[in-house]
């Protein structure tokens, strides 16, 4: 069946009467903010459009026994690592806000607060259900369920999620989210937990394989044992989506436009800018105007440079900078602990305002000149250093190669740590040397933990790295070296553990990385110009196999 894309030029002064089934006007949560599910804002926009029904469904209700298709005109799967990280962070945060290790049975999960993941729009034609909007979420959920399926092989008590991934079609796997070009990739991920994507595969398929690897790396390490079992029950029973069922192509597309094209929301950076500029108030009106215009021009230039780096970089910079230079507190690991500076900076525009209003705030913004300098001096300078770090993360940069190594290993905390010792009076050479010293320390710290089979996850390391951030903040180069050398000498984890280091089910990425680094070092010592990325499996679509030089039967050699 060939279906046409809905016309985007036809006039649509219509709309829908919406019926919510299941928990009408129930309070749900979207990214930590209580609100009504779209607040039933799809009101009557006209009479020509058929009735639209919106149903609140759990992940289990949405996927079990269902089969969705994606129309030919839709874009492919294009989520990036940051989207995976944000989703996993949101899910873990909401779950651990409810979970107690004193809970005796999984039945107590029924009392956990529900979490609203978003809205999908579907349309049914010729007994086939198509997704008009929401395939990115459903695809990611399917990848997460596949990863959970693999975890269940070694963790007892996890509910069976196979029926949420695929159904049995006369002995063949029929994925609940069916896209022909993805079938082979999905089968390999389900059966083996890995798919070797090459340049010959579509971008969508390559993204699937890469995002699954991101799930393996970013999955919260606290979700283990009984906590993992409870999390899976909560995920499939208490995480909700609203499915809006349209009756025609045009009605589906109209709903999509209604929900996604109603003006641009102000970003956190926009709100922070407005607040800072509003506090530049000099007695001389001409001076005030000139200062505000200059600060605004600097702001726009910085935001442009950050935006050129990629999606999400503006917000990531502000969070990294404020944590590196100003934050003083962090939530403890106890259940129900209160968020502190580190966590509250996620809403950085609000945190800055609250710190300014606090009697003992850490920003030292007391007058108009302080606010002016905060933008034109502090923000501008540290944004420049951040941009250098982020570019070095994407491409090997002489002198700070370790930044790239750490980025490959998803050590995102390195940027906060690297900005911490930088001072406004550091020249460029000193600043770069400080960044090199910090990045090299992180490289050593990471590899030592890997060979000692210690966790390298964000949730495990953030306490240590944040405390170290505060210790090295604004230190001179000599002071920085002394602190980090003493830290390294104090580690009980030594590289000597490499003697017992071996490949197992969860460290294949680390093994590949270390072999690539070692091989590249030997090659360069032999006069070659290769770098370690030439030996990674995901470089340029090449396939790399790890082979034993000697078999594990020493008497035969």
Protein backbone atom coordinates (compact mmCIF):
# COMPACT_ATOMS: atom_id res chain seq x y z
CA UNK A 1 0.00 0.00 0.00
CA UNK A 2 1.41 3.40 -0.99
CA UNK A 3 0.27 6.27 1.17
CA UNK A 4 0.80 9.94 0.54
CA UNK A 5 2.19 12.35 3.12
CA UNK A 6 -0.49 14.59 4.58
CA UNK A 7 -0.70 17.90 2.80
CA UNK A 8 1.02 20.70 4.69
CA UNK A 9 -0.34 23.42 2.43
CA UNK A 10 -4.05 22.74 2.74
CA UNK A 11 -5.78 25.18 5.07
CA UNK A 12 -6.50 23.68 8.48
CA UNK A 13 -8.90 25.80 10.46
CA UNK A 14 -10.24 22.58 12.00
CA UNK A 15 -9.57 20.69 15.17
CA UNK A 16 -10.68 18.04 17.45
CA UNK A 17 -12.88 17.13 20.30
CA UNK A 18 -10.73 14.97 22.53
CA UNK A 19 -11.79 12.11 24.75
CA UNK A 20 -9.33 10.99 27.44
CA UNK A 21 -9.75 7.38 28.46
CA UNK A 22 -8.21 6.09 31.70
CA UNK A 23 -7.56 8.46 34.58
CA UNK A 24 -9.14 11.61 33.13
CA UNK A 25 -7.30 14.72 34.33
CA UNK A 26 -5.04 12.56 36.46
CA UNK A 27 -1.96 14.34 37.74
CA UNK A 28 1.17 13.10 36.05
CA UNK A 29 4.79 14.25 35.88
CA UNK A 30 6.81 15.55 32.98
CA UNK A 31 10.53 16.03 33.65
CA UNK A 32 9.93 16.70 37.32
CA UNK A 33 7.13 19.24 36.91
CA UNK A 34 3.55 18.29 37.90
CA UNK A 35 1.06 19.10 35.18
CA UNK A 36 -1.92 17.67 33.38
CA UNK A 37 -1.32 15.55 30.33
CA UNK A 38 -1.31 18.38 27.78
CA UNK A 39 -4.03 19.76 30.07
CA UNK A 40 -6.50 18.49 27.47
CA UNK A 41 -5.51 21.48 25.34
CA UNK A 42 -6.71 19.92 22.11
CA UNK A 43 -10.03 21.74 22.18
CA UNK A 44 -12.55 22.18 19.38
CA UNK A 45 -10.77 23.87 16.48
CA UNK A 46 -13.61 23.26 14.03
CA UNK A 47 -16.22 20.77 12.99
CA UNK A 48 -14.81 19.24 9.82
CA UNK A 49 -12.31 17.05 11.62
CA UNK A 50 -13.31 13.65 12.94
CA UNK A 51 -13.35 12.90 16.65
CA UNK A 52 -9.92 12.22 18.09
CA UNK A 53 -9.48 9.87 21.05
CA UNK A 54 -6.58 10.22 23.47
CA UNK A 55 -5.75 7.29 25.74
CA UNK A 56 -3.27 7.27 28.58
CA UNK A 57 -1.37 4.00 28.34
CA UNK A 58 1.47 2.41 30.23
CA UNK A 59 4.50 1.18 28.29
CA UNK A 60 3.13 -2.35 28.66
CA UNK A 61 -0.32 -1.42 27.37
CA UNK A 62 1.18 0.50 24.47
CA UNK A 63 3.54 -2.21 23.24
CA UNK A 64 2.27 -5.63 24.29
CA UNK A 65 0.49 -7.41 21.46
CA UNK A 66 0.67 -4.34 19.22
CA UNK A 67 2.43 -3.71 15.93
CA UNK A 68 3.28 -0.23 14.72
CA UNK A 69 4.60 0.84 11.35
CA UNK A 70 6.36 4.04 10.33
CA UNK A 71 5.34 5.73 7.10
CA UNK A 72 7.81 6.17 4.26
CA UNK A 73 7.92 9.97 4.45
CA UNK A 74 9.02 10.07 8.09
CA UNK A 75 12.59 10.80 9.09
CA UNK A 76 14.70 7.95 10.42
CA UNK A 77 15.78 7.30 13.97
CA UNK A 78 18.04 10.21 14.87
CA UNK A 79 18.37 10.36 18.64
CA UNK A 80 21.89 11.13 19.85
CA UNK A 81 23.81 10.12 22.95
CA UNK A 82 22.66 13.19 24.90
CA UNK A 83 19.01 12.22 24.35
CA UNK A 84 19.71 8.74 25.75
CA UNK A 85 21.57 10.23 28.72
CA UNK A 86 18.72 12.64 29.47
CA UNK A 87 16.06 9.93 29.25
CA UNK A 88 17.97 7.50 31.49
CA UNK A 89 18.69 10.27 33.98
CA UNK A 90 15.03 11.29 34.14
CA UNK A 91 13.81 7.71 34.54
CA UNK A 92 16.34 6.88 37.26
CA UNK A 93 15.66 10.11 39.14
CA UNK A 94 11.91 9.52 39.18
CA UNK A 95 12.27 5.85 40.11
CA UNK A 96 14.70 6.42 42.98
CA UNK A 97 12.39 9.11 44.29
CA UNK A 98 9.95 6.28 45.02
CA UNK A 99 12.10 3.19 45.59
CA UNK A 100 13.14 2.09 49.08
CA UNK A 101 15.42 -0.86 49.67
CA UNK A 102 13.15 -1.73 52.61
CA UNK A 103 10.31 -2.60 50.22
CA UNK A 104 9.66 -6.30 50.60
CA UNK A 105 7.83 -7.19 47.39
CA UNK A 106 7.51 -5.83 43.87
CA UNK A 107 3.78 -5.37 44.53
CA UNK A 108 4.67 -2.13 46.32
CA UNK A 109 5.60 -0.66 42.94
CA UNK A 110 1.85 -0.26 42.36
CA UNK A 111 1.95 2.66 44.79
CA UNK A 112 4.79 4.44 42.97
CA UNK A 113 4.07 7.76 41.28
CA UNK A 114 3.44 7.54 37.55
CA UNK A 115 5.74 9.32 35.12
CA UNK A 116 4.60 10.94 31.87
CA UNK A 117 6.99 10.24 29.00
CA UNK A 118 5.18 12.13 26.27
CA UNK A 119 2.61 11.84 23.51
CA UNK A 120 2.42 9.73 20.37
CA UNK A 121 0.03 10.18 17.45
CA UNK A 122 -1.22 7.14 15.54
CA UNK A 123 -3.55 6.44 12.66
CA UNK A 124 -5.02 3.12 11.56
CA UNK A 125 -5.52 2.27 7.90
CA UNK A 126 -6.27 -1.13 6.33
CA UNK A 127 -5.87 -2.81 9.74
CA UNK A 128 -2.36 -1.41 10.10
CA UNK A 129 -1.39 1.16 12.72
CA UNK A 130 1.05 3.89 11.68
CA UNK A 131 2.95 6.25 13.95
CA UNK A 132 2.66 9.88 12.88
CA UNK A 133 4.63 11.31 15.80
CA UNK A 134 6.55 9.62 18.59
CA UNK A 135 8.65 7.00 16.82
CA UNK A 136 11.86 8.34 18.41
CA UNK A 137 10.55 7.59 21.91
CA UNK A 138 9.11 4.20 20.98
CA UNK A 139 12.31 3.16 19.22
CA UNK A 140 14.38 4.15 22.24
CA UNK A 141 12.00 2.33 24.58
CA UNK A 142 12.41 -0.79 22.44
CA UNK A 143 16.20 -0.52 22.66
CA UNK A 144 15.94 -0.11 26.44
CA UNK A 145 13.70 -3.16 26.70
CA UNK A 146 16.18 -5.20 24.64
CA UNK A 147 18.96 -4.16 27.01
CA UNK A 148 16.78 -5.11 29.98
CA UNK A 149 16.14 -8.48 28.32
CA UNK A 150 19.90 -9.14 28.28
CA UNK A 151 20.27 -8.00 31.90
CA UNK A 152 17.53 -10.45 32.89
CA UNK A 153 19.75 -13.35 31.83
CA UNK A 154 21.98 -12.72 34.85
CA UNK A 155 19.51 -11.11 37.27
CA UNK A 156 16.68 -13.23 38.71
CA UNK A 157 13.27 -11.73 39.38
CA UNK A 158 13.10 -9.39 36.39
CA UNK A 159 9.74 -9.53 34.59
CA UNK A 160 9.80 -10.96 31.09
CA UNK A 161 9.69 -8.11 28.57
CA UNK A 162 9.95 -10.15 25.35
CA UNK A 163 6.30 -9.58 24.42
CA UNK A 164 6.90 -5.83 24.54
CA UNK A 165 9.67 -6.20 21.97
CA UNK A 166 8.31 -8.68 19.45
CA UNK A 167 5.60 -11.23 18.83
CA UNK A 168 5.82 -14.71 17.34
CA UNK A 169 4.57 -14.70 13.75
CA UNK A 170 4.54 -18.39 12.77
CA UNK A 171 8.01 -18.90 14.18
CA UNK A 172 9.39 -15.58 12.94
CA UNK A 173 10.27 -12.59 15.12
CA UNK A 174 7.85 -9.77 14.31
CA UNK A 175 8.98 -6.64 16.10
CA UNK A 176 6.25 -4.55 17.68
CA UNK A 177 7.81 -1.49 16.07
CA UNK A 178 8.19 -2.72 12.51
CA UNK A 179 10.50 -0.95 10.07
CA UNK A 180 11.85 -3.26 7.33
CA UNK A 181 15.33 -1.75 7.07
CA UNK A 182 15.86 -2.14 10.82
CA UNK A 183 14.85 -5.79 11.19
CA UNK A 184 18.32 -7.36 10.86
CA UNK A 185 19.83 -4.83 13.26
CA UNK A 186 17.07 -5.37 15.82
CA UNK A 187 17.43 -9.16 15.59
CA UNK A 188 21.17 -8.98 16.21
CA UNK A 189 20.72 -6.60 19.14
CA UNK A 190 18.07 -8.87 20.64
CA UNK A 191 20.01 -12.10 20.15
CA UNK A 192 23.59 -10.95 20.74
CA UNK A 193 23.49 -7.43 22.20
CA UNK A 194 25.57 -6.05 19.35
CA UNK A 195 25.24 -5.11 15.68
CA UNK A 196 28.17 -4.37 13.41
CA UNK A 197 27.00 -1.34 11.43
CA UNK A 198 29.04 -0.15 8.45
CA UNK A 199 28.88 2.80 6.09
CA UNK A 200 26.70 0.70 3.80
CA UNK A 201 23.90 0.77 6.38
CA UNK A 202 21.50 3.70 6.58
CA UNK A 203 22.10 6.47 9.10
CA UNK A 204 19.02 5.29 10.99
CA UNK A 205 20.42 1.76 11.39
CA UNK A 206 23.84 3.08 12.41
CA UNK A 207 22.13 5.26 15.01
CA UNK A 208 20.26 2.24 16.39
CA UNK A 209 23.51 0.34 16.92
CA UNK A 210 25.29 3.35 18.45
CA UNK A 211 22.44 4.27 20.79
CA UNK A 212 22.26 0.69 22.05
CA UNK A 213 25.93 0.92 22.96
CA UNK A 214 25.20 4.23 24.69
CA UNK A 215 22.52 2.47 26.74
CA UNK A 216 25.08 -0.09 27.88
CA UNK A 217 27.47 2.65 28.97
CA UNK A 218 24.98 5.13 30.46
CA UNK A 219 22.56 2.78 32.24
CA UNK A 220 22.50 3.75 35.92
CA UNK A 221 24.71 1.38 37.89
CA UNK A 222 22.46 1.67 40.93
CA UNK A 223 19.89 -0.33 38.97
CA UNK A 224 21.09 -3.78 39.96
CA UNK A 225 19.68 -6.73 41.85
CA UNK A 226 16.30 -6.10 43.43
CA UNK A 227 16.38 -2.41 42.46
CA UNK A 228 16.60 -3.46 38.80
CA UNK A 229 13.65 -5.81 39.15
CA UNK A 230 11.50 -3.09 40.75
CA UNK A 231 12.64 -0.58 38.13
CA UNK A 232 11.50 -2.83 35.28
CA UNK A 233 8.07 -3.28 36.88
CA UNK A 234 7.84 0.48 37.32
CA UNK A 235 8.99 1.16 33.76
CA UNK A 236 6.42 -1.07 32.08
CA UNK A 237 3.50 -0.40 34.46
CA UNK A 238 3.94 3.17 35.73
CA UNK A 239 5.61 5.05 32.88
CA UNK A 240 2.79 6.46 30.75
CA UNK A 241 2.36 7.89 27.29
CA UNK A 242 -0.72 9.49 25.79
CA UNK A 243 -1.71 7.90 22.49
CA UNK A 244 -3.78 10.20 20.29
CA UNK A 245 -5.65 8.23 17.65
CA UNK A 246 -6.53 10.17 14.51
CA UNK A 247 -8.95 9.03 11.83
CA UNK A 248 -7.36 10.54 8.70
CA UNK A 249 -3.93 11.63 7.47
CA UNK A 250 -4.91 15.28 7.51
CA UNK A 251 -6.35 15.15 11.01
CA UNK A 252 -3.22 13.42 12.28
CA UNK A 253 -0.98 16.03 10.74
CA UNK A 254 -3.14 18.85 12.08
CA UNK A 255 -2.81 17.47 15.61
CA UNK A 256 0.93 17.20 15.12
CA UNK A 257 1.11 20.86 14.09
CA UNK A 258 -1.18 21.93 16.94
CA UNK A 259 1.05 20.27 19.53
CA UNK A 260 4.42 21.20 18.06
CA UNK A 261 4.03 24.53 16.27
CA UNK A 262 2.64 27.03 18.74
CA UNK A 263 5.56 29.40 19.14
CA UNK A 264 9.07 28.98 20.53
CA UNK A 265 9.45 28.46 24.26
CA UNK A 266 12.15 30.52 25.93
CA UNK A 267 15.21 28.45 26.74
CA UNK A 268 16.96 28.53 30.12
CA UNK A 269 19.73 30.59 28.50
CA UNK A 270 17.18 33.14 27.25
CA UNK A 271 15.69 33.50 30.73
CA UNK A 272 19.13 33.82 32.33
CA UNK A 273 20.12 36.48 29.82
CA UNK A 274 16.99 38.50 30.57
CA UNK A 275 17.63 38.30 34.30
CA UNK A 276 21.29 39.32 34.07
CA UNK A 277 20.69 42.23 31.68
CA UNK A 278 17.81 43.48 33.82
CA UNK A 279 20.25 43.86 36.72
CA UNK A 280 22.64 46.12 34.82
CA UNK A 281 21.21 49.40 36.14
CA UNK A 282 23.60 52.36 36.20
CA UNK A 283 22.50 55.80 37.37
CA UNK A 284 23.56 57.33 34.05
CA UNK A 285 20.92 56.25 31.45
CA UNK A 286 23.38 56.54 28.55
CA UNK A 287 25.98 54.46 30.34
CA UNK A 288 23.37 51.87 31.29
CA UNK A 289 22.20 51.57 27.69
CA UNK A 290 25.76 51.24 26.37
CA UNK A 291 26.68 48.60 28.96
CA UNK A 292 23.54 46.58 28.29
CA UNK A 293 24.12 46.68 24.53
CA UNK A 294 27.74 45.59 24.94
CA UNK A 295 26.78 42.75 27.29
CA UNK A 296 24.03 41.68 24.92
CA UNK A 297 26.45 41.62 21.96
CA UNK A 298 28.93 39.51 23.94
CA UNK A 299 26.13 37.16 24.97
CA UNK A 300 24.93 36.69 21.39
CA UNK A 301 28.47 35.97 20.19
CA UNK A 302 29.06 33.35 22.88
CA UNK A 303 25.71 31.66 22.25
CA UNK A 304 26.42 31.53 18.51
CA UNK A 305 29.81 29.89 19.06
CA UNK A 306 28.31 27.34 21.45
CA UNK A 307 25.40 26.63 19.12
CA UNK A 308 27.85 25.99 16.29
CA UNK A 309 29.33 23.16 18.38
CA UNK A 310 26.06 21.23 18.26
CA UNK A 311 22.66 20.71 19.84
CA UNK A 312 22.53 21.05 23.60
CA UNK A 313 25.94 22.69 23.95
CA UNK A 314 24.56 25.99 25.27
CA UNK A 315 22.87 24.40 28.26
CA UNK A 316 25.78 22.01 28.84
CA UNK A 317 28.22 24.92 28.99
CA UNK A 318 26.27 26.82 31.64
CA UNK A 319 25.87 23.72 33.80
CA UNK A 320 29.54 22.81 33.44
CA UNK A 321 30.81 26.34 34.11
CA UNK A 322 28.62 26.99 37.15
CA UNK A 323 29.46 23.63 38.70
CA UNK A 324 33.17 24.05 37.98
CA UNK A 325 33.55 27.57 39.38
CA UNK A 326 30.73 28.21 41.85
CA UNK A 327 28.83 25.16 43.16
CA UNK A 328 29.74 24.20 46.73
CA UNK A 329 27.31 21.42 47.67
CA UNK A 330 25.98 18.15 46.35
CA UNK A 331 23.13 15.86 47.36
CA UNK A 332 24.17 12.97 49.56
CA UNK A 333 23.63 9.39 48.49
CA UNK A 334 20.92 8.81 51.09
CA UNK A 335 17.34 8.12 50.06
CA UNK A 336 15.11 11.20 50.00
CA UNK A 337 18.16 13.48 50.29
CA UNK A 338 17.60 17.10 49.29
CA UNK A 339 19.02 18.46 46.03
CA UNK A 340 21.95 20.83 46.45
CA UNK A 341 23.94 23.12 44.15
CA UNK A 342 25.18 20.36 41.85
CA UNK A 343 21.69 19.05 41.14
CA UNK A 344 19.88 22.41 41.17
CA UNK A 345 22.17 23.75 38.46
CA UNK A 346 20.22 21.55 36.05
CA UNK A 347 17.82 24.53 36.15
CA UNK A 348 20.69 27.01 35.94
CA UNK A 349 18.61 30.12 35.23
CA UNK A 350 16.69 29.53 38.46
CA UNK A 351 19.81 28.61 40.44
CA UNK A 352 21.59 31.85 39.48
CA UNK A 353 18.60 33.93 40.51
CA UNK A 354 18.28 32.07 43.82
CA UNK A 355 22.00 32.48 44.55
CA UNK A 356 21.85 36.21 43.89
CA UNK A 357 18.90 36.55 46.26
CA UNK A 358 20.51 34.41 48.98
CA UNK A 359 22.34 36.27 51.74
CA UNK A 360 25.38 34.02 51.44
CA UNK A 361 25.24 33.26 47.73
CA UNK A 362 28.41 32.09 45.99
CA UNK A 363 28.18 34.21 42.83
CA UNK A 364 29.17 37.59 44.34
CA UNK A 365 26.80 39.52 42.10
CA UNK A 366 26.03 42.58 44.18
CA UNK A 367 25.86 45.52 41.78
CA UNK A 368 25.49 46.44 38.12
CA UNK A 369 29.22 46.19 37.41
CA UNK A 370 29.24 42.63 38.79
CA UNK A 371 26.43 41.58 36.46
CA UNK A 372 28.13 43.30 33.52
CA UNK A 373 31.45 41.55 34.22
CA UNK A 374 29.71 38.22 34.76
CA UNK A 375 28.73 38.28 31.08
CA UNK A 376 31.53 40.21 29.38
CA UNK A 377 34.47 38.79 31.33
CA UNK A 378 33.65 35.56 33.18
CA UNK A 379 31.17 33.94 30.81
CA UNK A 380 33.05 34.98 27.69
CA UNK A 381 36.41 33.69 28.96
CA UNK A 382 35.20 30.32 30.27
CA UNK A 383 33.04 29.72 27.22
CA UNK A 384 36.17 30.06 25.08
CA UNK A 385 37.96 27.43 27.18
CA UNK A 386 34.92 25.17 27.10
CA UNK A 387 34.76 25.39 23.31
CA UNK A 388 38.45 24.40 23.09
CA UNK A 389 37.73 21.36 25.27
CA UNK A 390 34.68 20.31 23.30
CA UNK A 391 36.51 20.60 19.98
CA UNK A 392 39.36 18.55 21.43
CA UNK A 393 36.78 15.96 22.47
CA UNK A 394 35.72 15.50 18.85
CA UNK A 395 39.16 15.62 17.24
CA UNK A 396 42.63 14.72 18.52
CA UNK A 397 44.31 18.01 19.42
CA UNK A 398 48.09 18.21 19.98
CA UNK A 399 48.89 18.72 23.65
CA UNK A 400 45.46 17.80 24.97
CA UNK A 401 44.91 14.41 23.29
CA UNK A 402 43.67 12.97 26.58
CA UNK A 403 40.51 15.09 26.29
CA UNK A 404 39.61 13.06 23.19
CA UNK A 405 40.41 9.75 24.92
CA UNK A 406 38.20 10.64 27.87
CA UNK A 407 35.38 11.75 25.59
CA UNK A 408 35.52 8.40 23.79
CA UNK A 409 35.09 6.77 27.20
CA UNK A 410 32.06 8.98 27.92
CA UNK A 411 33.77 10.66 30.88
CA UNK A 412 31.61 13.79 30.66
CA UNK A 413 32.68 15.03 34.09
CA UNK A 414 36.11 15.91 32.68
CA UNK A 415 34.89 19.29 31.38
CA UNK A 416 33.83 20.46 34.84
CA UNK A 417 37.12 19.25 36.30
CA UNK A 418 39.18 20.90 33.54
CA UNK A 419 37.51 24.32 33.93
CA UNK A 420 37.88 24.33 37.72
CA UNK A 421 41.56 25.39 38.02
CA UNK A 422 41.42 27.98 35.23
CA UNK A 423 41.71 31.61 36.31
CA UNK A 424 40.90 34.84 34.53
CA UNK A 425 44.56 35.90 34.67
CA UNK A 426 45.83 32.66 33.09
CA UNK A 427 47.35 33.21 29.66
CA UNK A 428 46.35 30.79 26.90
CA UNK A 429 49.47 28.65 27.31
CA UNK A 430 48.92 28.24 31.05
CA UNK A 431 45.23 27.48 30.59
CA UNK A 432 46.00 24.80 27.99
CA UNK A 433 48.63 23.22 30.23
CA UNK A 434 46.15 23.07 33.11
CA UNK A 435 43.63 21.39 30.82
CA UNK A 436 46.32 18.90 29.72
CA UNK A 437 47.25 18.04 33.31
CA UNK A 438 43.62 17.49 34.32
CA UNK A 439 42.76 15.44 31.22
CA UNK A 440 45.85 13.26 31.70
CA UNK A 441 44.86 12.66 35.33
CA UNK A 442 41.37 11.60 34.21
CA UNK A 443 42.88 9.28 31.59
CA UNK A 444 45.05 7.55 34.23
CA UNK A 445 42.22 7.43 36.76
CA UNK A 446 39.79 5.90 34.26
CA UNK A 447 42.14 3.18 32.99
CA UNK A 448 43.19 2.18 36.49
CA UNK A 449 39.58 1.72 37.49
CA UNK A 450 38.89 -0.31 34.34
CA UNK A 451 41.74 -2.79 34.84
CA UNK A 452 40.73 -3.17 38.50
CA UNK A 453 37.12 -3.95 37.47
CA UNK A 454 35.84 -0.82 39.20
CA UNK A 455 32.80 1.11 38.03
CA UNK A 456 33.38 4.06 35.71
CA UNK A 457 29.75 5.19 35.58
CA UNK A 458 28.63 8.79 36.07
CA UNK A 459 26.55 8.08 39.18
CA UNK A 460 29.49 6.31 40.85
CA UNK A 461 32.16 8.90 40.10
CA UNK A 462 30.33 12.21 40.36
CA UNK A 463 30.87 12.55 44.14
CA UNK A 464 34.61 11.98 43.86
CA UNK A 465 35.03 14.21 40.81
CA UNK A 466 32.94 17.06 42.25
CA UNK A 467 34.91 17.05 45.51
CA UNK A 468 38.13 17.09 43.50
CA UNK A 469 36.70 19.95 41.41
CA UNK A 470 36.32 22.05 44.54
CA UNK A 471 39.83 21.14 45.71
CA UNK A 472 41.56 22.26 42.50
CA UNK A 473 39.38 25.32 41.88
CA UNK A 474 41.49 28.38 40.94
CA UNK A 475 44.78 26.65 41.79
CA UNK A 476 48.08 27.61 40.19
CA UNK A 477 49.70 25.19 37.76
CA UNK A 478 52.21 23.98 40.35
CA UNK A 479 49.50 23.54 42.99
CA UNK A 480 47.36 21.65 40.51
CA UNK A 481 50.18 19.25 39.62
CA UNK A 482 50.94 18.58 43.29
CA UNK A 483 47.32 17.83 44.15
CA UNK A 484 46.77 15.45 41.23
CA UNK A 485 50.11 13.65 41.62
CA UNK A 486 49.31 13.07 45.29
CA UNK A 487 45.90 11.72 44.30
CA UNK A 488 47.45 9.28 41.82
CA UNK A 489 50.06 8.12 44.32
CA UNK A 490 47.29 7.56 46.84
CA UNK A 491 45.18 5.29 44.62
CA UNK A 492 45.03 1.69 45.73
CA UNK A 493 44.00 0.84 42.17
CA UNK A 494 47.26 0.41 40.28
CA UNK A 495 47.93 -0.49 36.67
CA UNK A 496 49.54 -3.69 37.94
CA UNK A 497 46.07 -5.22 37.88
CA UNK A 498 46.47 -5.50 34.09
CA UNK A 499 48.01 -8.94 34.76
CA UNK A 500 44.56 -10.28 35.67
CA UNK A 501 42.51 -8.14 33.30
CA UNK A 502 40.36 -10.11 30.85
CA UNK A 503 37.45 -9.73 28.46
CA UNK A 504 33.98 -10.37 29.86
CA UNK A 505 30.42 -9.59 28.85
CA UNK A 506 30.37 -5.96 30.01
CA UNK A 507 33.85 -4.61 29.28
CA UNK A 508 34.32 -5.33 25.56
CA UNK A 509 34.26 -1.60 24.75
CA UNK A 510 37.03 -0.94 27.29
CA UNK A 511 39.12 -3.87 26.03
CA UNK A 512 38.88 -2.61 22.45
CA UNK A 513 39.83 0.88 23.58
CA UNK A 514 42.89 -0.21 25.56
CA UNK A 515 44.11 -2.52 22.78
CA UNK A 516 43.69 0.34 20.31
CA UNK A 517 45.71 2.73 22.50
CA UNK A 518 48.50 0.19 23.00
CA UNK A 519 48.64 -0.81 19.34
CA UNK A 520 48.71 2.81 18.18
CA UNK A 521 51.55 3.56 20.62
CA UNK A 522 53.62 0.67 19.25
CA UNK A 523 52.84 1.69 15.65
CA UNK A 524 53.89 5.29 16.21
CA UNK A 525 57.08 4.09 17.88
CA UNK A 526 57.75 2.12 14.70
CA UNK A 527 57.43 5.19 12.52
CA UNK A 528 53.75 4.93 11.56
CA UNK A 529 51.41 7.93 11.62
CA UNK A 530 48.27 6.07 12.73
CA UNK A 531 46.25 7.02 15.79
CA UNK A 532 44.22 4.85 18.12
CA UNK A 533 40.92 5.47 16.32
CA UNK A 534 42.25 3.55 13.32
CA UNK A 535 42.07 0.43 15.47
CA UNK A 536 38.59 0.91 16.89
CA UNK A 537 35.75 -1.18 15.46
CA UNK A 538 33.55 1.87 14.87
CA UNK A 539 36.09 3.87 12.91
CA UNK A 540 35.17 4.45 9.26
CA UNK A 541 32.81 1.48 9.26
CA UNK A 542 35.65 -1.01 9.66
CA UNK A 543 35.15 -4.36 11.33
CA UNK A 544 37.76 -5.23 13.96
CA UNK A 545 38.07 -8.60 15.69
CA UNK A 546 39.92 -9.24 18.94
CA UNK A 547 42.17 -12.28 18.53
CA UNK A 548 44.32 -14.18 21.02
CA UNK A 549 48.02 -14.15 20.25
CA UNK A 550 48.38 -17.27 22.39
CA UNK A 551 45.54 -19.55 23.36
CA UNK A 552 44.89 -20.03 27.05
CA UNK A 553 46.79 -23.34 27.01
CA UNK A 554 50.33 -22.37 27.86
CA UNK A 555 51.80 -25.90 27.70
CA UNK A 556 51.07 -25.99 23.97
CA UNK A 557 53.32 -23.00 23.27
